[in-house]
Structure formats: structure tokens, C-alpha cells
Amino acid sequence: MQGLRAMRSPLIVEVRGRGLLIGIELTIPAHRLSEALLERGIAAKDTQESVLRIAPPLVIDDAAVELLLDGVRQAFTSLP
């Protein structure tokens, strides 16, 4: 969550979660970011129109976290 909060994107309203269950509230429809992430091999679920749910496995390692954060950054920059 620290890495997501540090992004400071104007598209992010709030990053919240508990443990590894993370919700990113967006200013845009969440399905747009979900689709952009899927193109990068990252599965995330859009919920409640403007919330993206990320639920990585409990055994995730630091390299996979960095891969996720890089994918989110790239997905944000690819959105019009």
C-alpha cells in the first residue's frame, strides 16, 4: 500500500486495505485500469464502478510487489 500511496496520481482518490487486500478508489471507471493491468499480465477486479481490488497471494515476494507497482505505473500512464 505504501508504494501505491506514493504514486500520487491525480486518478487516485484513496488507497485503502487490510493486509494484502487492497482497494484503490479512482476518479475514472475502474474497469479501464483493470483492462490496462490485464494487458500487462496483472489481474485485478473492478468493483463498485470506481474501485479497483487487488488481492495478491499471501506468499508474494518483493520482486512480485515491484512488478505490480511497475505495472500499475505503466497502466496509469497508458490511460488517456
C-alpha atoms as a PDB file:
ATOM      1  CA  MET A   1       0.000   0.000   0.000  1.00  0.00           C
ATOM      2  CA  GLN A   2       2.922   2.320   0.653  1.00  0.00           C
ATOM      3  CA  GLY A   3       4.067   2.064  -2.955  1.00  0.00           C
ATOM      4  CA  LEU A   4       0.586   2.742  -4.299  1.00  0.00           C
ATOM      5  CA  ARG A   5       0.062   5.715  -1.992  1.00  0.00           C
ATOM      6  CA  ALA A   6       3.443   7.130  -3.034  1.00  0.00           C
ATOM      7  CA  MET A   7       2.339   7.306  -6.685  1.00  0.00           C
ATOM      8  CA  ARG A   8       0.350  10.494  -6.067  1.00  0.00           C
ATOM      9  CA  SER A   9      -1.601  10.089  -9.303  1.00  0.00           C
ATOM     10  CA  PRO A  10      -4.487  12.510  -9.918  1.00  0.00           C
ATOM     11  CA  LEU A  11      -6.516   9.404 -10.824  1.00  0.00           C
ATOM     12  CA  ILE A  12      -6.222   8.004  -7.279  1.00  0.00           C
ATOM     13  CA  VAL A  13      -8.727   9.233  -4.697  1.00  0.00           C
ATOM     14  CA  GLU A  14      -7.679   6.833  -1.938  1.00  0.00           C
ATOM     15  CA  VAL A  15      -5.714   3.645  -1.346  1.00  0.00           C
ATOM     16  CA  ARG A  16      -7.129   1.510   1.444  1.00  0.00           C
ATOM     17  CA  GLY A  17      -6.852  -2.045   2.628  1.00  0.00           C
ATOM     18  CA  ARG A  18      -6.122  -4.572   5.268  1.00  0.00           C
ATOM     19  CA  GLY A  19      -3.229  -6.950   4.913  1.00  0.00           C
ATOM     20  CA  LEU A  20      -2.832  -7.766   1.243  1.00  0.00           C
ATOM     21  CA  LEU A  21      -6.429  -6.977   0.249  1.00  0.00           C
ATOM     22  CA  ILE A  22      -6.129  -3.535  -1.322  1.00  0.00           C
ATOM     23  CA  GLY A  23      -8.716  -1.196  -2.804  1.00  0.00           C
ATOM     24  CA  ILE A  24      -7.797   1.766  -4.988  1.00  0.00           C
ATOM     25  CA  GLU A  25     -10.582   4.319  -5.353  1.00  0.00           C
ATOM     26  CA  LEU A  26     -10.256   6.120  -8.679  1.00  0.00           C
ATOM     27  CA  THR A  27     -11.619   9.219 -10.360  1.00  0.00           C
ATOM     28  CA  ILE A  28     -12.235   7.150 -13.509  1.00  0.00           C
ATOM     29  CA  PRO A  29     -14.160   3.912 -14.095  1.00  0.00           C
ATOM     30  CA  ALA A  30     -12.070   1.148 -12.522  1.00  0.00           C
ATOM     31  CA  HIS A  31     -12.609  -1.230 -15.445  1.00  0.00           C
ATOM     32  CA  ARG A  32     -10.321   0.959 -17.570  1.00  0.00           C
ATOM     33  CA  LEU A  33      -7.404   0.430 -15.197  1.00  0.00           C
ATOM     34  CA  SER A  34      -8.310  -3.239 -14.744  1.00  0.00           C
ATOM     35  CA  GLU A  35      -8.095  -3.795 -18.511  1.00  0.00           C
ATOM     36  CA  ALA A  36      -4.809  -1.869 -18.768  1.00  0.00           C
ATOM     37  CA  LEU A  37      -3.341  -4.023 -15.990  1.00  0.00           C
ATOM     38  CA  LEU A  38      -4.546  -7.239 -17.614  1.00  0.00           C
ATOM     39  CA  GLU A  39      -2.672  -6.254 -20.793  1.00  0.00           C
ATOM     40  CA  ARG A  40       0.444  -6.229 -18.589  1.00  0.00           C
ATOM     41  CA  GLY A  41      -0.272  -9.634 -17.071  1.00  0.00           C
ATOM     42  CA  ILE A  42      -1.725  -8.354 -13.794  1.00  0.00           C
ATOM     43  CA  ALA A  43      -5.201  -9.496 -12.773  1.00  0.00           C
ATOM     44  CA  ALA A  44      -7.252  -7.056 -10.694  1.00  0.00           C
ATOM     45  CA  LYS A  45     -11.013  -6.724 -10.256  1.00  0.00           C
ATOM     46  CA  ASP A  46     -13.012  -3.571 -10.764  1.00  0.00           C
ATOM     47  CA  THR A  47     -15.739  -3.172  -8.136  1.00  0.00           C
ATOM     48  CA  GLN A  48     -18.344  -0.538  -7.367  1.00  0.00           C
ATOM     49  CA  GLU A  49     -17.626   1.367 -10.594  1.00  0.00           C
ATOM     50  CA  SER A  50     -14.634   3.327  -9.293  1.00  0.00           C
ATOM     51  CA  VAL A  51     -12.738   0.896  -7.039  1.00  0.00           C
ATOM     52  CA  LEU A  52     -10.027  -1.477  -8.199  1.00  0.00           C
ATOM     53  CA  ARG A  53      -9.449  -4.504  -5.946  1.00  0.00           C
ATOM     54  CA  ILE A  54      -6.000  -6.051  -5.766  1.00  0.00           C
ATOM     55  CA  ALA A  55      -5.633  -9.320  -3.862  1.00  0.00           C
ATOM     56  CA  PRO A  56      -2.148 -10.787  -4.343  1.00  0.00           C
ATOM     57  CA  PRO A  57      -1.223 -14.190  -2.913  1.00  0.00           C
ATOM     58  CA  LEU A  58      -0.114 -14.257   0.704  1.00  0.00           C
ATOM     59  CA  VAL A  59       3.270 -15.654  -0.354  1.00  0.00           C
ATOM     60  CA  ILE A  60       4.091 -12.700  -2.631  1.00  0.00           C
ATOM     61  CA  ASP A  61       7.756 -11.669  -2.627  1.00  0.00           C
ATOM     62  CA  ASP A  62       9.393  -8.254  -3.044  1.00  0.00           C
ATOM     63  CA  ALA A  63      10.115  -8.822  -6.739  1.00  0.00           C
ATOM     64  CA  ALA A  64       6.438  -9.517  -7.435  1.00  0.00           C
ATOM     65  CA  VAL A  65       5.412  -6.413  -5.472  1.00  0.00           C
ATOM     66  CA  GLU A  66       7.765  -4.313  -7.627  1.00  0.00           C
ATOM     67  CA  LEU A  67       6.336  -5.944 -10.757  1.00  0.00           C
ATOM     68  CA  LEU A  68       2.842  -4.998  -9.590  1.00  0.00           C
ATOM     69  CA  LEU A  69       3.827  -1.402  -8.823  1.00  0.00           C
ATOM     70  CA  ASP A  70       5.605  -1.022 -12.173  1.00  0.00           C
ATOM     71  CA  GLY A  71       2.550  -2.434 -13.937  1.00  0.00           C
ATOM     72  CA  VAL A  72       0.236  -0.006 -12.153  1.00  0.00           C
ATOM     73  CA  ARG A  73       2.502   2.935 -13.038  1.00  0.00           C
ATOM     74  CA  GLN A  74       2.590   1.872 -16.694  1.00  0.00           C
ATOM     75  CA  ALA A  75      -1.162   1.326 -16.755  1.00  0.00           C
ATOM     76  CA  PHE A  76      -1.803   4.818 -15.368  1.00  0.00           C
ATOM     77  CA  THR A  77       0.432   6.429 -17.971  1.00  0.00           C
ATOM     78  CA  SER A  78      -1.238   4.465 -20.782  1.00  0.00           C
ATOM     79  CA  LEU A  79      -4.728   5.760 -19.958  1.00  0.00           C
ATOM     80  CA  PRO A  80      -5.945   8.727 -21.970  1.00  0.00           C
END
